[in-house]
Amino acid sequence: MPESADRLIKVFLLDDHEVVRQGLRALLESTGSIEVVGEAGTAAEAAARIPALHPDVAVLDARLPDGSGIEVCRRLRRDKATAHVPIIMLTAREAEDDRVRGLETGADDYLTK
């Protein structure tokens, strides 16, 4: 999280729908305290980009065409460089089993879109 009031919170967005990413970016950046430092539409792209971008928070879509945000979360938690990054899982479904799997994998919170 921010070290001072002047520092922006850096967020990474993972969602396979570009319109969702655009909407989240606009909403988050409208606060004036958040900067979206990166985006991805696939699990593979996110897993590669997040460690390089050093976000303060990662927002991950739970279900993706090439895998899941849950798998990305698992990879981030195993990597020393990203194990500390807070993760918020997003889903369009309110399936309890998805929520439990996400939280068991190490997500910090789970929100319905």
PDB file of N, CA and C in Angstrom:
ATOM      1  N   MET A   1       0.831  -1.177   0.000  1.00  0.00           N
ATOM      2  CA  MET A   1       0.000   0.000   0.000  1.00  0.00           C
ATOM      3  C   MET A   1       0.883   1.251   0.000  1.00  0.00           C
ATOM      4  N   PRO A   2       0.296   2.410  -0.185  1.00  0.00           N
ATOM      5  CA  PRO A   2       1.096   3.617  -0.327  1.00  0.00           C
ATOM      6  C   PRO A   2       1.950   3.899   0.900  1.00  0.00           C
ATOM      7  N   GLU A   3       3.186   4.345   0.650  1.00  0.00           N
ATOM      8  CA  GLU A   3       4.087   4.704   1.736  1.00  0.00           C
ATOM      9  C   GLU A   3       3.821   6.129   2.204  1.00  0.00           C
ATOM     10  N   SER A   4       3.244   6.957   1.336  1.00  0.00           N
ATOM     11  CA  SER A   4       2.897   8.322   1.708  1.00  0.00           C
ATOM     12  C   SER A   4       1.601   8.705   1.005  1.00  0.00           C
ATOM     13  N   ALA A   5       1.017   9.783   1.453  1.00  0.00           N
ATOM     14  CA  ALA A   5      -0.260  10.219   0.883  1.00  0.00           C
ATOM     15  C   ALA A   5      -0.102  10.651  -0.575  1.00  0.00           C
ATOM     16  N   ASP A   6       1.109  11.007  -1.002  1.00  0.00           N
ATOM     17  CA  ASP A   6       1.335  11.479  -2.369  1.00  0.00           C
ATOM     18  C   ASP A   6       1.540  10.353  -3.369  1.00  0.00           C
ATOM     19  N   ARG A   7       1.789   9.157  -2.920  1.00  0.00           N
ATOM     20  CA  ARG A   7       2.101   8.031  -3.803  1.00  0.00           C
ATOM     21  C   ARG A   7       0.820   7.359  -4.276  1.00  0.00           C
ATOM     22  N   LEU A   8       0.744   7.117  -5.586  1.00  0.00           N
ATOM     23  CA  LEU A   8      -0.409   6.431  -6.142  1.00  0.00           C
ATOM     24  C   LEU A   8      -0.330   4.932  -5.863  1.00  0.00           C
ATOM     25  N   ILE A   9      -1.475   4.302  -5.655  1.00  0.00           N
ATOM     26  CA  ILE A   9      -1.551   2.850  -5.516  1.00  0.00           C
ATOM     27  C   ILE A   9      -1.494   2.269  -6.921  1.00  0.00           C
ATOM     28  N   LYS A  10      -0.534   1.383  -7.160  1.00  0.00           N
ATOM     29  CA  LYS A  10      -0.343   0.787  -8.478  1.00  0.00           C
ATOM     30  C   LYS A  10      -1.138  -0.512  -8.566  1.00  0.00           C
ATOM     31  N   VAL A  11      -2.005  -0.605  -9.580  1.00  0.00           N
ATOM     32  CA  VAL A  11      -2.897  -1.751  -9.735  1.00  0.00           C
ATOM     33  C   VAL A  11      -2.666  -2.417 -11.089  1.00  0.00           C
ATOM     34  N   PHE A  12      -2.731  -3.747 -11.094  1.00  0.00           N
ATOM     35  CA  PHE A  12      -2.684  -4.524 -12.323  1.00  0.00           C
ATOM     36  C   PHE A  12      -4.047  -5.172 -12.515  1.00  0.00           C
ATOM     37  N   LEU A  13      -4.589  -5.127 -13.748  1.00  0.00           N
ATOM     38  CA  LEU A  13      -5.904  -5.687 -14.050  1.00  0.00           C
ATOM     39  C   LEU A  13      -5.786  -6.880 -14.994  1.00  0.00           C
ATOM     40  N   LEU A  14      -6.449  -7.974 -14.639  1.00  0.00           N
ATOM     41  CA  LEU A  14      -6.538  -9.145 -15.512  1.00  0.00           C
ATOM     42  C   LEU A  14      -8.003  -9.470 -15.739  1.00  0.00           C
ATOM     43  N   ASP A  15      -8.441  -9.338 -16.982  1.00  0.00           N
ATOM     44  CA  ASP A  15      -9.794  -9.722 -17.379  1.00  0.00           C
ATOM     45  C   ASP A  15      -9.767  -9.953 -18.877  1.00  0.00           C
ATOM     46  N   ASP A  16     -10.441 -10.995 -19.340  1.00  0.00           N
ATOM     47  CA  ASP A  16     -10.411 -11.299 -20.771  1.00  0.00           C
ATOM     48  C   ASP A  16     -11.315 -10.395 -21.590  1.00  0.00           C
ATOM     49  N   HIS A  17     -12.128  -9.593 -20.946  1.00  0.00           N
ATOM     50  CA  HIS A  17     -12.998  -8.654 -21.659  1.00  0.00           C
ATOM     51  C   HIS A  17     -12.414  -7.248 -21.578  1.00  0.00           C
ATOM     52  N   GLU A  18     -12.012  -6.722 -22.726  1.00  0.00           N
ATOM     53  CA  GLU A  18     -11.391  -5.403 -22.761  1.00  0.00           C
ATOM     54  C   GLU A  18     -12.301  -4.314 -22.199  1.00  0.00           C
ATOM     55  N   VAL A  19     -13.592  -4.399 -22.474  1.00  0.00           N
ATOM     56  CA  VAL A  19     -14.518  -3.378 -21.975  1.00  0.00           C
ATOM     57  C   VAL A  19     -14.560  -3.379 -20.440  1.00  0.00           C
ATOM     58  N   VAL A  20     -14.418  -4.526 -19.827  1.00  0.00           N
ATOM     59  CA  VAL A  20     -14.372  -4.599 -18.357  1.00  0.00           C
ATOM     60  C   VAL A  20     -13.092  -3.934 -17.860  1.00  0.00           C
ATOM     61  N   ARG A  21     -11.966  -4.244 -18.495  1.00  0.00           N
ATOM     62  CA  ARG A  21     -10.703  -3.617 -18.096  1.00  0.00           C
ATOM     63  C   ARG A  21     -10.773  -2.096 -18.247  1.00  0.00           C
ATOM     64  N   GLN A  22     -11.345  -1.626 -19.364  1.00  0.00           N
ATOM     65  CA  GLN A  22     -11.464  -0.180 -19.580  1.00  0.00           C
ATOM     66  C   GLN A  22     -12.330   0.463 -18.495  1.00  0.00           C
ATOM     67  N   GLY A  23     -13.434  -0.190 -18.169  1.00  0.00           N
ATOM     68  CA  GLY A  23     -14.325   0.340 -17.134  1.00  0.00           C
ATOM     69  C   GLY A  23     -13.673   0.374 -15.767  1.00  0.00           C
ATOM     70  N   LEU A  24     -12.987  -0.715 -15.414  1.00  0.00           N
ATOM     71  CA  LEU A  24     -12.283  -0.753 -14.128  1.00  0.00           C
ATOM     72  C   LEU A  24     -11.189   0.296 -14.074  1.00  0.00           C
ATOM     73  N   ARG A  25     -10.437   0.423 -15.172  1.00  0.00           N
ATOM     74  CA  ARG A  25      -9.363   1.433 -15.226  1.00  0.00           C
ATOM     75  C   ARG A  25      -9.952   2.826 -14.989  1.00  0.00           C
ATOM     76  N   ALA A  26     -11.011   3.152 -15.715  1.00  0.00           N
ATOM     77  CA  ALA A  26     -11.629   4.483 -15.584  1.00  0.00           C
ATOM     78  C   ALA A  26     -12.130   4.714 -14.164  1.00  0.00           C
ATOM     79  N   LEU A  27     -12.785   3.715 -13.602  1.00  0.00           N
ATOM     80  CA  LEU A  27     -13.312   3.838 -12.243  1.00  0.00           C
ATOM     81  C   LEU A  27     -12.188   4.021 -11.222  1.00  0.00           C
ATOM     82  N   LEU A  28     -11.186   3.173 -11.291  1.00  0.00           N
ATOM     83  CA  LEU A  28     -10.085   3.241 -10.325  1.00  0.00           C
ATOM     84  C   LEU A  28      -9.284   4.526 -10.458  1.00  0.00           C
ATOM     85  N   GLU A  29      -8.952   4.909 -11.681  1.00  0.00           N
ATOM     86  CA  GLU A  29      -8.132   6.099 -11.867  1.00  0.00           C
ATOM     87  C   GLU A  29      -8.896   7.392 -11.582  1.00  0.00           C
ATOM     88  N   SER A  30     -10.226   7.331 -11.610  1.00  0.00           N
ATOM     89  CA  SER A  30     -11.026   8.525 -11.297  1.00  0.00           C
ATOM     90  C   SER A  30     -10.901   8.932  -9.829  1.00  0.00           C
ATOM     91  N   THR A  31     -10.399   8.024  -8.993  1.00  0.00           N
ATOM     92  CA  THR A  31     -10.237   8.339  -7.565  1.00  0.00           C
ATOM     93  C   THR A  31      -9.100   9.326  -7.336  1.00  0.00           C
ATOM     94  N   GLY A  32      -8.157   9.381  -8.269  1.00  0.00           N
ATOM     95  CA  GLY A  32      -7.007  10.263  -8.105  1.00  0.00           C
ATOM     96  C   GLY A  32      -5.909   9.660  -7.250  1.00  0.00           C
ATOM     97  N   SER A  33      -6.147   8.486  -6.669  1.00  0.00           N
ATOM     98  CA  SER A  33      -5.130   7.863  -5.813  1.00  0.00           C
ATOM     99  C   SER A  33      -4.674   6.503  -6.333  1.00  0.00           C
ATOM    100  N   ILE A  34      -5.194   6.119  -7.505  1.00  0.00           N
ATOM    101  CA  ILE A  34      -4.870   4.811  -8.074  1.00  0.00           C
ATOM    102  C   ILE A  34      -4.387   4.984  -9.509  1.00  0.00           C
ATOM    103  N   GLU A  35      -3.332   4.244  -9.857  1.00  0.00           N
ATOM    104  CA  GLU A  35      -2.816   4.213 -11.215  1.00  0.00           C
ATOM    105  C   GLU A  35      -2.813   2.754 -11.680  1.00  0.00           C
ATOM    106  N   VAL A  36      -3.434   2.485 -12.809  1.00  0.00           N
ATOM    107  CA  VAL A  36      -3.387   1.142 -13.392  1.00  0.00           C
ATOM    108  C   VAL A  36      -2.075   1.058 -14.171  1.00  0.00           C
ATOM    109  N   VAL A  37      -1.160   0.209 -13.685  1.00  0.00           N
ATOM    110  CA  VAL A  37       0.175   0.125 -14.283  1.00  0.00           C
ATOM    111  C   VAL A  37       0.281  -0.967 -15.343  1.00  0.00           C
ATOM    112  N   GLY A  38      -0.741  -1.814 -15.431  1.00  0.00           N
ATOM    113  CA  GLY A  38      -0.705  -2.858 -16.439  1.00  0.00           C
ATOM    114  C   GLY A  38      -2.013  -3.597 -16.525  1.00  0.00           C
ATOM    115  N   GLU A  39      -2.210  -4.222 -17.685  1.00  0.00           N
ATOM    116  CA  GLU A  39      -3.421  -4.999 -17.947  1.00  0.00           C
ATOM    117  C   GLU A  39      -3.043  -6.238 -18.728  1.00  0.00           C
ATOM    118  N   ALA A  40      -3.896  -7.242 -18.634  1.00  0.00           N
ATOM    119  CA  ALA A  40      -3.735  -8.446 -19.441  1.00  0.00           C
ATOM    120  C   ALA A  40      -5.106  -9.044 -19.691  1.00  0.00           C
ATOM    121  N   GLY A  41      -5.199  -9.776 -20.807  1.00  0.00           N
ATOM    122  CA  GLY A  41      -6.438 -10.454 -21.155  1.00  0.00           C
ATOM    123  C   GLY A  41      -6.354 -11.961 -21.008  1.00  0.00           C
ATOM    124  N   THR A  42      -5.137 -12.456 -20.694  1.00  0.00           N
ATOM    125  CA  THR A  42      -4.952 -13.900 -20.519  1.00  0.00           C
ATOM    126  C   THR A  42      -4.158 -14.171 -19.251  1.00  0.00           C
ATOM    127  N   ALA A  43      -4.323 -15.383 -18.730  1.00  0.00           N
ATOM    128  CA  ALA A  43      -3.587 -15.796 -17.536  1.00  0.00           C
ATOM    129  C   ALA A  43      -2.087 -15.801 -17.806  1.00  0.00           C
ATOM    130  N   ALA A  44      -1.679 -16.300 -18.967  1.00  0.00           N
ATOM    131  CA  ALA A  44      -0.257 -16.380 -19.299  1.00  0.00           C
ATOM    132  C   ALA A  44       0.380 -14.994 -19.344  1.00  0.00           C
ATOM    133  N   GLU A  45      -0.313 -14.053 -19.966  1.00  0.00           N
ATOM    134  CA  GLU A  45       0.218 -12.690 -20.063  1.00  0.00           C
ATOM    135  C   GLU A  45       0.328 -12.054 -18.680  1.00  0.00           C
ATOM    136  N   ALA A  46      -0.677 -12.240 -17.852  1.00  0.00           N
ATOM    137  CA  ALA A  46      -0.659 -11.673 -16.503  1.00  0.00           C
ATOM    138  C   ALA A  46       0.474 -12.254 -15.670  1.00  0.00           C
ATOM    139  N   ALA A  47       0.644 -13.570 -15.726  1.00  0.00           N
ATOM    140  CA  ALA A  47       1.696 -14.229 -14.945  1.00  0.00           C
ATOM    141  C   ALA A  47       3.079 -13.715 -15.337  1.00  0.00           C
ATOM    142  N   ALA A  48       3.250 -13.341 -16.588  1.00  0.00           N
ATOM    143  CA  ALA A  48       4.529 -12.809 -17.050  1.00  0.00           C
ATOM    144  C   ALA A  48       4.697 -11.333 -16.712  1.00  0.00           C
ATOM    145  N   ARG A  49       3.632 -10.562 -16.778  1.00  0.00           N
ATOM    146  CA  ARG A  49       3.739  -9.103 -16.626  1.00  0.00           C
ATOM    147  C   ARG A  49       3.720  -8.626 -15.178  1.00  0.00           C
ATOM    148  N   ILE A  50       2.950  -9.283 -14.327  1.00  0.00           N
ATOM    149  CA  ILE A  50       2.811  -8.801 -12.943  1.00  0.00           C
ATOM    150  C   ILE A  50       4.157  -8.720 -12.228  1.00  0.00           C
ATOM    151  N   PRO A  51       4.993  -9.756 -12.253  1.00  0.00           N
ATOM    152  CA  PRO A  51       6.287  -9.638 -11.552  1.00  0.00           C
ATOM    153  C   PRO A  51       7.153  -8.492 -12.082  1.00  0.00           C
ATOM    154  N   ALA A  52       7.074  -8.202 -13.358  1.00  0.00           N
ATOM    155  CA  ALA A  52       7.891  -7.147 -13.955  1.00  0.00           C
ATOM    156  C   ALA A  52       7.388  -5.749 -13.602  1.00  0.00           C
ATOM    157  N   LEU A  53       6.098  -5.611 -13.347  1.00  0.00           N
ATOM    158  CA  LEU A  53       5.501  -4.287 -13.116  1.00  0.00           C
ATOM    159  C   LEU A  53       5.414  -3.893 -11.641  1.00  0.00           C
ATOM    160  N   HIS A  54       5.568  -4.827 -10.737  1.00  0.00           N
ATOM    161  CA  HIS A  54       5.557  -4.559  -9.296  1.00  0.00           C
ATOM    162  C   HIS A  54       4.318  -3.779  -8.817  1.00  0.00           C
ATOM    163  N   PRO A  55       3.116  -4.269  -9.116  1.00  0.00           N
ATOM    164  CA  PRO A  55       1.927  -3.540  -8.640  1.00  0.00           C
ATOM    165  C   PRO A  55       1.765  -3.667  -7.128  1.00  0.00           C
ATOM    166  N   ASP A  56       1.025  -2.730  -6.557  1.00  0.00           N
ATOM    167  CA  ASP A  56       0.680  -2.804  -5.134  1.00  0.00           C
ATOM    168  C   ASP A  56      -0.487  -3.755  -4.916  1.00  0.00           C
ATOM    169  N   VAL A  57      -1.334  -3.900  -5.945  1.00  0.00           N
ATOM    170  CA  VAL A  57      -2.530  -4.749  -5.879  1.00  0.00           C
ATOM    171  C   VAL A  57      -2.747  -5.363  -7.263  1.00  0.00           C
ATOM    172  N   ALA A  58      -3.197  -6.623  -7.284  1.00  0.00           N
ATOM    173  CA  ALA A  58      -3.571  -7.264  -8.542  1.00  0.00           C
ATOM    174  C   ALA A  58      -5.049  -7.633  -8.471  1.00  0.00           C
ATOM    175  N   VAL A  59      -5.799  -7.261  -9.511  1.00  0.00           N
ATOM    176  CA  VAL A  59      -7.215  -7.601  -9.627  1.00  0.00           C
ATOM    177  C   VAL A  59      -7.320  -8.632 -10.737  1.00  0.00           C
ATOM    178  N   LEU A  60      -7.735  -9.859 -10.387  1.00  0.00           N
ATOM    179  CA  LEU A  60      -7.694 -10.981 -11.318  1.00  0.00           C
ATOM    180  C   LEU A  60      -9.072 -11.561 -11.563  1.00  0.00           C
ATOM    181  N   ASP A  61      -9.433 -11.702 -12.829  1.00  0.00           N
ATOM    182  CA  ASP A  61     -10.674 -12.375 -13.209  1.00  0.00           C
ATOM    183  C   ASP A  61     -10.515 -13.857 -12.872  1.00  0.00           C
ATOM    184  N   ALA A  62     -11.524 -14.436 -12.249  1.00  0.00           N
ATOM    185  CA  ALA A  62     -11.441 -15.834 -11.825  1.00  0.00           C
ATOM    186  C   ALA A  62     -11.440 -16.805 -12.997  1.00  0.00           C
ATOM    187  N   ARG A  63     -12.194 -16.488 -14.065  1.00  0.00           N
ATOM    188  CA  ARG A  63     -12.320 -17.419 -15.193  1.00  0.00           C
ATOM    189  C   ARG A  63     -11.845 -16.758 -16.478  1.00  0.00           C
ATOM    190  N   LEU A  64     -10.911 -17.451 -17.145  1.00  0.00           N
ATOM    191  CA  LEU A  64     -10.305 -16.930 -18.369  1.00  0.00           C
ATOM    192  C   LEU A  64     -10.253 -18.027 -19.421  1.00  0.00           C
ATOM    193  N   PRO A  65     -10.182 -17.653 -20.687  1.00  0.00           N
ATOM    194  CA  PRO A  65     -10.133 -18.661 -21.748  1.00  0.00           C
ATOM    195  C   PRO A  65      -8.930 -19.611 -21.654  1.00  0.00           C
ATOM    196  N   ASP A  66      -7.807 -19.107 -21.150  1.00  0.00           N
ATOM    197  CA  ASP A  66      -6.593 -19.926 -21.098  1.00  0.00           C
ATOM    198  C   ASP A  66      -6.252 -20.422 -19.693  1.00  0.00           C
ATOM    199  N   GLY A  67      -7.189 -20.337 -18.778  1.00  0.00           N
ATOM    200  CA  GLY A  67      -6.923 -20.765 -17.408  1.00  0.00           C
ATOM    201  C   GLY A  67      -7.806 -19.999 -16.448  1.00  0.00           C
ATOM    202  N   SER A  68      -7.203 -19.542 -15.354  1.00  0.00           N
ATOM    203  CA  SER A  68      -7.997 -18.804 -14.372  1.00  0.00           C
ATOM    204  C   SER A  68      -7.121 -17.856 -13.572  1.00  0.00           C
ATOM    205  N   GLY A  69      -7.774 -16.868 -12.999  1.00  0.00           N
ATOM    206  CA  GLY A  69      -7.091 -15.970 -12.077  1.00  0.00           C
ATOM    207  C   GLY A  69      -6.632 -16.721 -10.844  1.00  0.00           C
ATOM    208  N   ILE A  70      -7.323 -17.796 -10.520  1.00  0.00           N
ATOM    209  CA  ILE A  70      -6.935 -18.614  -9.371  1.00  0.00           C
ATOM    210  C   ILE A  70      -5.558 -19.235  -9.630  1.00  0.00           C
ATOM    211  N   GLU A  71      -5.326 -19.709 -10.851  1.00  0.00           N
ATOM    212  CA  GLU A  71      -4.009 -20.260 -11.210  1.00  0.00           C
ATOM    213  C   GLU A  71      -2.939 -19.169 -11.170  1.00  0.00           C
ATOM    214  N   VAL A  72      -3.279 -17.980 -11.656  1.00  0.00           N
ATOM    215  CA  VAL A  72      -2.333 -16.865 -11.612  1.00  0.00           C
ATOM    216  C   VAL A  72      -2.022 -16.523 -10.155  1.00  0.00           C
ATOM    217  N   CYS A  73      -3.036 -16.488  -9.316  1.00  0.00           N
ATOM    218  CA  CYS A  73      -2.853 -16.214  -7.889  1.00  0.00           C
ATOM    219  C   CYS A  73      -1.895 -17.232  -7.281  1.00  0.00           C
ATOM    220  N   ARG A  74      -2.102 -18.479  -7.580  1.00  0.00           N
ATOM    221  CA  ARG A  74      -1.241 -19.556  -7.058  1.00  0.00           C
ATOM    222  C   ARG A  74       0.225 -19.308  -7.468  1.00  0.00           C
ATOM    223  N   ARG A  75       0.442 -18.943  -8.733  1.00  0.00           N
ATOM    224  CA  ARG A  75       1.807 -18.671  -9.209  1.00  0.00           C
ATOM    225  C   ARG A  75       2.422 -17.466  -8.507  1.00  0.00           C
ATOM    226  N   LEU A  76       1.630 -16.421  -8.320  1.00  0.00           N
ATOM    227  CA  LEU A  76       2.137 -15.218  -7.660  1.00  0.00           C
ATOM    228  C   LEU A  76       2.509 -15.504  -6.210  1.00  0.00           C
ATOM    229  N   ARG A  77       1.729 -16.313  -5.536  1.00  0.00           N
ATOM    230  CA  ARG A  77       2.001 -16.642  -4.135  1.00  0.00           C
ATOM    231  C   ARG A  77       3.261 -17.498  -3.977  1.00  0.00           C
ATOM    232  N   ARG A  78       3.602 -18.292  -4.985  1.00  0.00           N
ATOM    233  CA  ARG A  78       4.811 -19.131  -4.923  1.00  0.00           C
ATOM    234  C   ARG A  78       6.084 -18.339  -5.211  1.00  0.00           C
ATOM    235  N   ASP A  79       5.964 -17.198  -5.876  1.00  0.00           N
ATOM    236  CA  ASP A  79       7.121 -16.388  -6.274  1.00  0.00           C
ATOM    237  C   ASP A  79       7.443 -15.379  -5.167  1.00  0.00           C
ATOM    238  N   LYS A  80       8.676 -15.407  -4.663  1.00  0.00           N
ATOM    239  CA  LYS A  80       9.070 -14.496  -3.584  1.00  0.00           C
ATOM    240  C   LYS A  80       8.825 -13.027  -3.938  1.00  0.00           C
ATOM    241  N   ALA A  81       9.035 -12.681  -5.200  1.00  0.00           N
ATOM    242  CA  ALA A  81       8.902 -11.288  -5.626  1.00  0.00           C
ATOM    243  C   ALA A  81       7.458 -10.797  -5.606  1.00  0.00           C
ATOM    244  N   THR A  82       6.492 -11.700  -5.699  1.00  0.00           N
ATOM    245  CA  THR A  82       5.083 -11.285  -5.769  1.00  0.00           C
ATOM    246  C   THR A  82       4.220 -11.871  -4.650  1.00  0.00           C
ATOM    247  N   ALA A  83       4.806 -12.650  -3.768  1.00  0.00           N
ATOM    248  CA  ALA A  83       4.028 -13.318  -2.712  1.00  0.00           C
ATOM    249  C   ALA A  83       3.284 -12.328  -1.809  1.00  0.00           C
ATOM    250  N   HIS A  84       3.798 -11.116  -1.691  1.00  0.00           N
ATOM    251  CA  HIS A  84       3.209 -10.111  -0.803  1.00  0.00           C
ATOM    252  C   HIS A  84       2.098  -9.276  -1.461  1.00  0.00           C
ATOM    253  N   VAL A  85       1.946  -9.360  -2.771  1.00  0.00           N
ATOM    254  CA  VAL A  85       0.996  -8.503  -3.496  1.00  0.00           C
ATOM    255  C   VAL A  85      -0.440  -8.890  -3.135  1.00  0.00           C
ATOM    256  N   PRO A  86      -1.215  -7.953  -2.594  1.00  0.00           N
ATOM    257  CA  PRO A  86      -2.625  -8.255  -2.323  1.00  0.00           C
ATOM    258  C   PRO A  86      -3.357  -8.581  -3.628  1.00  0.00           C
ATOM    259  N   ILE A  87      -4.222  -9.583  -3.578  1.00  0.00           N
ATOM    260  CA  ILE A  87      -4.945 -10.031  -4.763  1.00  0.00           C
ATOM    261  C   ILE A  87      -6.440 -10.000  -4.511  1.00  0.00           C
ATOM    262  N   ILE A  88      -7.155  -9.368  -5.437  1.00  0.00           N
ATOM    263  CA  ILE A  88      -8.618  -9.351  -5.405  1.00  0.00           C
ATOM    264  C   ILE A  88      -9.093 -10.149  -6.609  1.00  0.00           C
ATOM    265  N   MET A  89      -9.855 -11.206  -6.349  1.00  0.00           N
ATOM    266  CA  MET A  89     -10.408 -12.027  -7.417  1.00  0.00           C
ATOM    267  C   MET A  89     -11.757 -11.445  -7.825  1.00  0.00           C
ATOM    268  N   LEU A  90     -12.028 -11.432  -9.130  1.00  0.00           N
ATOM    269  CA  LEU A  90     -13.310 -10.974  -9.666  1.00  0.00           C
ATOM    270  C   LEU A  90     -13.993 -12.126 -10.379  1.00  0.00           C
ATOM    271  N   THR A  91     -15.314 -12.167 -10.293  1.00  0.00           N
ATOM    272  CA  THR A  91     -16.051 -13.179 -11.033  1.00  0.00           C
ATOM    273  C   THR A  91     -17.410 -12.638 -11.436  1.00  0.00           C
ATOM    274  N   ALA A  92     -17.919 -13.166 -12.524  1.00  0.00           N
ATOM    275  CA  ALA A  92     -19.270 -12.819 -12.960  1.00  0.00           C
ATOM    276  C   ALA A  92     -20.284 -13.749 -12.296  1.00  0.00           C
ATOM    277  N   ARG A  93     -19.791 -14.845 -11.743  1.00  0.00           N
ATOM    278  CA  ARG A  93     -20.660 -15.828 -11.082  1.00  0.00           C
ATOM    279  C   ARG A  93     -20.508 -15.716  -9.572  1.00  0.00           C
ATOM    280  N   GLU A  94     -21.537 -16.068  -8.874  1.00  0.00           N
ATOM    281  CA  GLU A  94     -21.473 -16.052  -7.419  1.00  0.00           C
ATOM    282  C   GLU A  94     -21.340 -17.462  -6.858  1.00  0.00           C
ATOM    283  N   ALA A  95     -20.597 -18.309  -7.558  1.00  0.00           N
ATOM    284  CA  ALA A  95     -20.434 -19.693  -7.128  1.00  0.00           C
ATOM    285  C   ALA A  95     -19.568 -19.755  -5.869  1.00  0.00           C
ATOM    286  N   GLU A  96     -20.093 -20.358  -4.831  1.00  0.00           N
ATOM    287  CA  GLU A  96     -19.376 -20.452  -3.560  1.00  0.00           C
ATOM    288  C   GLU A  96     -18.080 -21.251  -3.707  1.00  0.00           C
ATOM    289  N   ASP A  97     -18.079 -22.300  -4.551  1.00  0.00           N
ATOM    290  CA  ASP A  97     -16.863 -23.096  -4.708  1.00  0.00           C
ATOM    291  C   ASP A  97     -15.740 -22.274  -5.340  1.00  0.00           C
ATOM    292  N   ASP A  98     -16.060 -21.357  -6.262  1.00  0.00           N
ATOM    293  CA  ASP A  98     -15.044 -20.477  -6.835  1.00  0.00           C
ATOM    294  C   ASP A  98     -14.472 -19.559  -5.757  1.00  0.00           C
ATOM    295  N   ARG A  99     -15.342 -19.026  -4.943  1.00  0.00           N
ATOM    296  CA  ARG A  99     -14.915 -18.121  -3.868  1.00  0.00           C
ATOM    297  C   ARG A  99     -13.973 -18.842  -2.908  1.00  0.00           C
ATOM    298  N   VAL A 100     -14.364 -20.019  -2.491  1.00  0.00           N
ATOM    299  CA  VAL A 100     -13.549 -20.786  -1.553  1.00  0.00           C
ATOM    300  C   VAL A 100     -12.202 -21.134  -2.176  1.00  0.00           C
ATOM    301  N   ARG A 101     -12.201 -21.602  -3.434  1.00  0.00           N
ATOM    302  CA  ARG A 101     -10.939 -21.941  -4.107  1.00  0.00           C
ATOM    303  C   ARG A 101     -10.024 -20.728  -4.216  1.00  0.00           C
ATOM    304  N   GLY A 102     -10.596 -19.584  -4.559  1.00  0.00           N
ATOM    305  CA  GLY A 102      -9.797 -18.367  -4.680  1.00  0.00           C
ATOM    306  C   GLY A 102      -9.166 -17.961  -3.365  1.00  0.00           C
ATOM    307  N   LEU A 103      -9.944 -17.989  -2.309  1.00  0.00           N
ATOM    308  CA  LEU A 103      -9.426 -17.594  -1.001  1.00  0.00           C
ATOM    309  C   LEU A 103      -8.426 -18.623  -0.474  1.00  0.00           C
ATOM    310  N   GLU A 104      -8.675 -19.894  -0.716  1.00  0.00           N
ATOM    311  CA  GLU A 104      -7.728 -20.931  -0.291  1.00  0.00           C
ATOM    312  C   GLU A 104      -6.409 -20.816  -1.039  1.00  0.00           C
ATOM    313  N   THR A 105      -6.443 -20.329  -2.244  1.00  0.00           N
ATOM    314  CA  THR A 105      -5.233 -20.177  -3.056  1.00  0.00           C
ATOM    315  C   THR A 105      -4.391 -19.001  -2.583  1.00  0.00           C
ATOM    316  N   GLY A 106      -4.989 -18.098  -1.845  1.00  0.00           N
ATOM    317  CA  GLY A 106      -4.229 -16.974  -1.327  1.00  0.00           C
ATOM    318  C   GLY A 106      -4.754 -15.612  -1.706  1.00  0.00           C
ATOM    319  N   ALA A 107      -5.900 -15.555  -2.372  1.00  0.00           N
ATOM    320  CA  ALA A 107      -6.502 -14.252  -2.687  1.00  0.00           C
ATOM    321  C   ALA A 107      -6.889 -13.560  -1.374  1.00  0.00           C
ATOM    322  N   ASP A 108      -6.804 -12.254  -1.374  1.00  0.00           N
ATOM    323  CA  ASP A 108      -7.144 -11.482  -0.176  1.00  0.00           C
ATOM    324  C   ASP A 108      -8.616 -11.141  -0.091  1.00  0.00           C
ATOM    325  N   ASP A 109      -9.268 -11.086  -1.249  1.00  0.00           N
ATOM    326  CA  ASP A 109     -10.694 -10.818  -1.272  1.00  0.00           C
ATOM    327  C   ASP A 109     -11.263 -11.347  -2.573  1.00  0.00           C
ATOM    328  N   TYR A 110     -12.577 -11.423  -2.645  1.00  0.00           N
ATOM    329  CA  TYR A 110     -13.270 -12.018  -3.801  1.00  0.00           C
ATOM    330  C   TYR A 110     -14.521 -11.202  -4.027  1.00  0.00           C
ATOM    331  N   LEU A 111     -14.642 -10.588  -5.207  1.00  0.00           N
ATOM    332  CA  LEU A 111     -15.779  -9.717  -5.500  1.00  0.00           C
ATOM    333  C   LEU A 111     -16.523 -10.172  -6.750  1.00  0.00           C
ATOM    334  N   THR A 112     -17.823  -9.996  -6.744  1.00  0.00           N
ATOM    335  CA  THR A 112     -18.642 -10.273  -7.910  1.00  0.00           C
ATOM    336  C   THR A 112     -18.681  -9.007  -8.771  1.00  0.00           C
ATOM    337  N   LYS A 113     -18.503  -9.176 -10.076  1.00  0.00           N
ATOM    338  CA  LYS A 113     -18.527  -8.033 -10.998  1.00  0.00           C
ATOM    339  C   LYS A 113     -19.884  -7.367 -10.995  1.00  0.00           C
TER     340      LYS A 113
END
